[in-house]
Amino acid sequence: MHMKISTTPDARYAHIEKPPGDSARLKNTPRMRVSMIISAYLAHGYSPEEMCRQFPHMSLSEAYSAMAYYFDHQEEIDEEIERELREYESIRAAQPPSPILKRLRELGLR
């Protein structure tokens, strides 16, 4: 007997949803984007188990699903992370220095 395995996105990434024109995210925690999870993986080398310790609301199966989605859509997620970093840097550059940073600069410490 031959059993057909479904390869629809829901079957391959049971815990991920990707609304049209939006970021891939966890179904049960829609504010948790795959790019956020992968950023932790790339920046700190977190394993899926460590990701669950860092993000206690995320299950191990959700972490593995996010990793699988990333490795199948790496260019898309990497571009999203780069875009978010550029936005962050732009916002940061537009902000005046904090009083503490100002004082450190005056003292020649930063």
C-alpha atoms as a PDB file:
ATOM      1  CA  MET A   1       0.000   0.000   0.000  1.00  0.00           C
ATOM      2  CA  HIS A   2       1.416   3.375  -1.052  1.00  0.00           C
ATOM      3  CA  MET A   3       0.648   6.309   1.199  1.00  0.00           C
ATOM      4  CA  LYS A   4       0.822   9.799  -0.255  1.00  0.00           C
ATOM      5  CA  ILE A   5       2.499  12.371   1.988  1.00  0.00           C
ATOM      6  CA  SER A   6       1.111  15.877   1.801  1.00  0.00           C
ATOM      7  CA  THR A   7       3.615  18.641   1.123  1.00  0.00           C
ATOM      8  CA  THR A   8       1.303  21.593   1.592  1.00  0.00           C
ATOM      9  CA  PRO A   9       2.759  24.356   3.781  1.00  0.00           C
ATOM     10  CA  ASP A  10       0.435  23.377   6.646  1.00  0.00           C
ATOM     11  CA  ALA A  11       1.720  19.793   6.571  1.00  0.00           C
ATOM     12  CA  ARG A  12       5.413  20.718   6.408  1.00  0.00           C
ATOM     13  CA  TYR A  13       5.232  23.607   8.864  1.00  0.00           C
ATOM     14  CA  ALA A  14       2.350  22.688  11.145  1.00  0.00           C
ATOM     15  CA  HIS A  15       3.113  25.520  13.571  1.00  0.00           C
ATOM     16  CA  ILE A  16       3.844  28.286  11.043  1.00  0.00           C
ATOM     17  CA  GLU A  17       1.489  30.591   9.199  1.00  0.00           C
ATOM     18  CA  LYS A  18       2.436  32.979   6.407  1.00  0.00           C
ATOM     19  CA  PRO A  19      -0.329  35.451   5.607  1.00  0.00           C
ATOM     20  CA  PRO A  20      -0.013  36.890   2.078  1.00  0.00           C
ATOM     21  CA  GLY A  21       2.330  39.885   2.090  1.00  0.00           C
ATOM     22  CA  ASP A  22       3.251  39.391   5.755  1.00  0.00           C
ATOM     23  CA  SER A  23       5.963  37.688   7.790  1.00  0.00           C
ATOM     24  CA  ALA A  24       5.947  33.997   8.644  1.00  0.00           C
ATOM     25  CA  ARG A  25       4.983  33.554  12.296  1.00  0.00           C
ATOM     26  CA  LEU A  26       3.938  30.991  14.878  1.00  0.00           C
ATOM     27  CA  LYS A  27       0.247  30.137  14.589  1.00  0.00           C
ATOM     28  CA  ASN A  28      -0.373  30.009  18.339  1.00  0.00           C
ATOM     29  CA  THR A  29       1.729  33.101  19.082  1.00  0.00           C
ATOM     30  CA  PRO A  30       1.169  35.415  16.098  1.00  0.00           C
ATOM     31  CA  ARG A  31       3.449  38.128  17.455  1.00  0.00           C
ATOM     32  CA  MET A  32       6.365  35.680  17.339  1.00  0.00           C
ATOM     33  CA  ARG A  33       7.831  35.901  13.845  1.00  0.00           C
ATOM     34  CA  VAL A  34      10.107  33.223  12.405  1.00  0.00           C
ATOM     35  CA  SER A  35      12.697  35.965  11.806  1.00  0.00           C
ATOM     36  CA  MET A  36      12.782  36.690  15.569  1.00  0.00           C
ATOM     37  CA  ILE A  37      13.404  33.042  16.381  1.00  0.00           C
ATOM     38  CA  ILE A  38      16.053  32.731  13.685  1.00  0.00           C
ATOM     39  CA  SER A  39      17.756  35.934  14.846  1.00  0.00           C
ATOM     40  CA  ALA A  40      18.322  34.239  18.213  1.00  0.00           C
ATOM     41  CA  TYR A  41      19.682  31.175  16.417  1.00  0.00           C
ATOM     42  CA  LEU A  42      22.044  33.228  14.225  1.00  0.00           C
ATOM     43  CA  ALA A  43      23.201  35.679  16.905  1.00  0.00           C
ATOM     44  CA  HIS A  44      23.659  33.261  19.793  1.00  0.00           C
ATOM     45  CA  GLY A  45      23.773  29.802  18.238  1.00  0.00           C
ATOM     46  CA  TYR A  46      20.733  28.723  20.246  1.00  0.00           C
ATOM     47  CA  SER A  47      19.534  25.186  19.729  1.00  0.00           C
ATOM     48  CA  PRO A  48      15.767  24.653  19.508  1.00  0.00           C
ATOM     49  CA  GLU A  49      15.872  23.515  23.144  1.00  0.00           C
ATOM     50  CA  GLU A  50      17.652  26.708  24.218  1.00  0.00           C
ATOM     51  CA  MET A  51      15.188  28.788  22.180  1.00  0.00           C
ATOM     52  CA  CYS A  52      12.396  27.278  24.273  1.00  0.00           C
ATOM     53  CA  ARG A  53      14.227  28.322  27.439  1.00  0.00           C
ATOM     54  CA  GLN A  54      14.646  31.851  26.068  1.00  0.00           C
ATOM     55  CA  PHE A  55      11.058  32.007  24.770  1.00  0.00           C
ATOM     56  CA  PRO A  56       9.121  29.899  27.320  1.00  0.00           C
ATOM     57  CA  HIS A  57       5.807  30.318  25.510  1.00  0.00           C
ATOM     58  CA  MET A  58       7.241  28.440  22.495  1.00  0.00           C
ATOM     59  CA  SER A  59       7.045  24.645  22.313  1.00  0.00           C
ATOM     60  CA  LEU A  60       9.901  22.497  21.053  1.00  0.00           C
ATOM     61  CA  SER A  61       7.856  21.451  18.018  1.00  0.00           C
ATOM     62  CA  GLU A  62       7.272  25.147  17.197  1.00  0.00           C
ATOM     63  CA  ALA A  63      11.017  25.835  17.431  1.00  0.00           C
ATOM     64  CA  TYR A  64      11.828  22.951  15.093  1.00  0.00           C
ATOM     65  CA  SER A  65       9.067  24.042  12.713  1.00  0.00           C
ATOM     66  CA  ALA A  66      10.521  27.570  12.622  1.00  0.00           C
ATOM     67  CA  MET A  67      13.984  26.143  11.910  1.00  0.00           C
ATOM     68  CA  ALA A  68      12.622  23.951   9.105  1.00  0.00           C
ATOM     69  CA  TYR A  69      10.788  26.922   7.606  1.00  0.00           C
ATOM     70  CA  TYR A  70      13.991  28.981   7.766  1.00  0.00           C
ATOM     71  CA  PHE A  71      16.140  26.382   6.031  1.00  0.00           C
ATOM     72  CA  ASP A  72      13.511  26.026   3.280  1.00  0.00           C
ATOM     73  CA  HIS A  73      13.053  29.830   2.934  1.00  0.00           C
ATOM     74  CA  GLN A  74      16.459  31.107   4.003  1.00  0.00           C
ATOM     75  CA  GLU A  75      16.730  33.954   1.482  1.00  0.00           C
ATOM     76  CA  GLU A  76      13.294  35.322   2.445  1.00  0.00           C
ATOM     77  CA  ILE A  77      14.007  35.240   6.191  1.00  0.00           C
ATOM     78  CA  ASP A  78      17.552  36.616   5.823  1.00  0.00           C
ATOM     79  CA  GLU A  79      16.165  39.549   3.804  1.00  0.00           C
ATOM     80  CA  GLU A  80      13.542  40.188   6.487  1.00  0.00           C
ATOM     81  CA  ILE A  81      16.219  40.205   9.204  1.00  0.00           C
ATOM     82  CA  GLU A  82      18.402  42.585   7.163  1.00  0.00           C
ATOM     83  CA  ARG A  83      15.438  44.909   6.567  1.00  0.00           C
ATOM     84  CA  GLU A  84      14.643  44.952  10.300  1.00  0.00           C
ATOM     85  CA  LEU A  85      18.282  45.717  11.162  1.00  0.00           C
ATOM     86  CA  ARG A  86      18.341  48.637   8.687  1.00  0.00           C
ATOM     87  CA  GLU A  87      15.096  50.004  10.170  1.00  0.00           C
ATOM     88  CA  TYR A  88      16.494  49.701  13.691  1.00  0.00           C
ATOM     89  CA  GLU A  89      19.743  51.464  12.739  1.00  0.00           C
ATOM     90  CA  SER A  90      17.801  54.239  11.019  1.00  0.00           C
ATOM     91  CA  ILE A  91      15.613  54.821  14.078  1.00  0.00           C
ATOM     92  CA  ARG A  92      18.615  54.635  16.402  1.00  0.00           C
ATOM     93  CA  ALA A  93      20.627  57.104  14.330  1.00  0.00           C
ATOM     94  CA  ALA A  94      17.750  59.596  14.389  1.00  0.00           C
ATOM     95  CA  GLN A  95      17.593  59.606  18.210  1.00  0.00           C
ATOM     96  CA  PRO A  96      19.612  62.113  20.238  1.00  0.00           C
ATOM     97  CA  PRO A  97      22.236  60.573  22.518  1.00  0.00           C
ATOM     98  CA  SER A  98      21.054  59.658  25.994  1.00  0.00           C
ATOM     99  CA  PRO A  99      22.218  61.840  28.885  1.00  0.00           C
ATOM    100  CA  ILE A 100      24.497  59.050  30.091  1.00  0.00           C
ATOM    101  CA  LEU A 101      26.105  58.600  26.680  1.00  0.00           C
ATOM    102  CA  LYS A 102      26.503  62.370  26.383  1.00  0.00           C
ATOM    103  CA  ARG A 103      28.283  62.501  29.733  1.00  0.00           C
ATOM    104  CA  LEU A 104      30.548  59.549  28.856  1.00  0.00           C
ATOM    105  CA  ARG A 105      31.553  61.291  25.635  1.00  0.00           C
ATOM    106  CA  GLU A 106      32.293  64.486  27.560  1.00  0.00           C
ATOM    107  CA  LEU A 107      34.573  62.458  29.822  1.00  0.00           C
ATOM    108  CA  GLY A 108      36.216  60.857  26.801  1.00  0.00           C
ATOM    109  CA  LEU A 109      35.080  57.387  27.849  1.00  0.00           C
ATOM    110  CA  ARG A 110      32.962  56.509  24.829  1.00  0.00           C
END
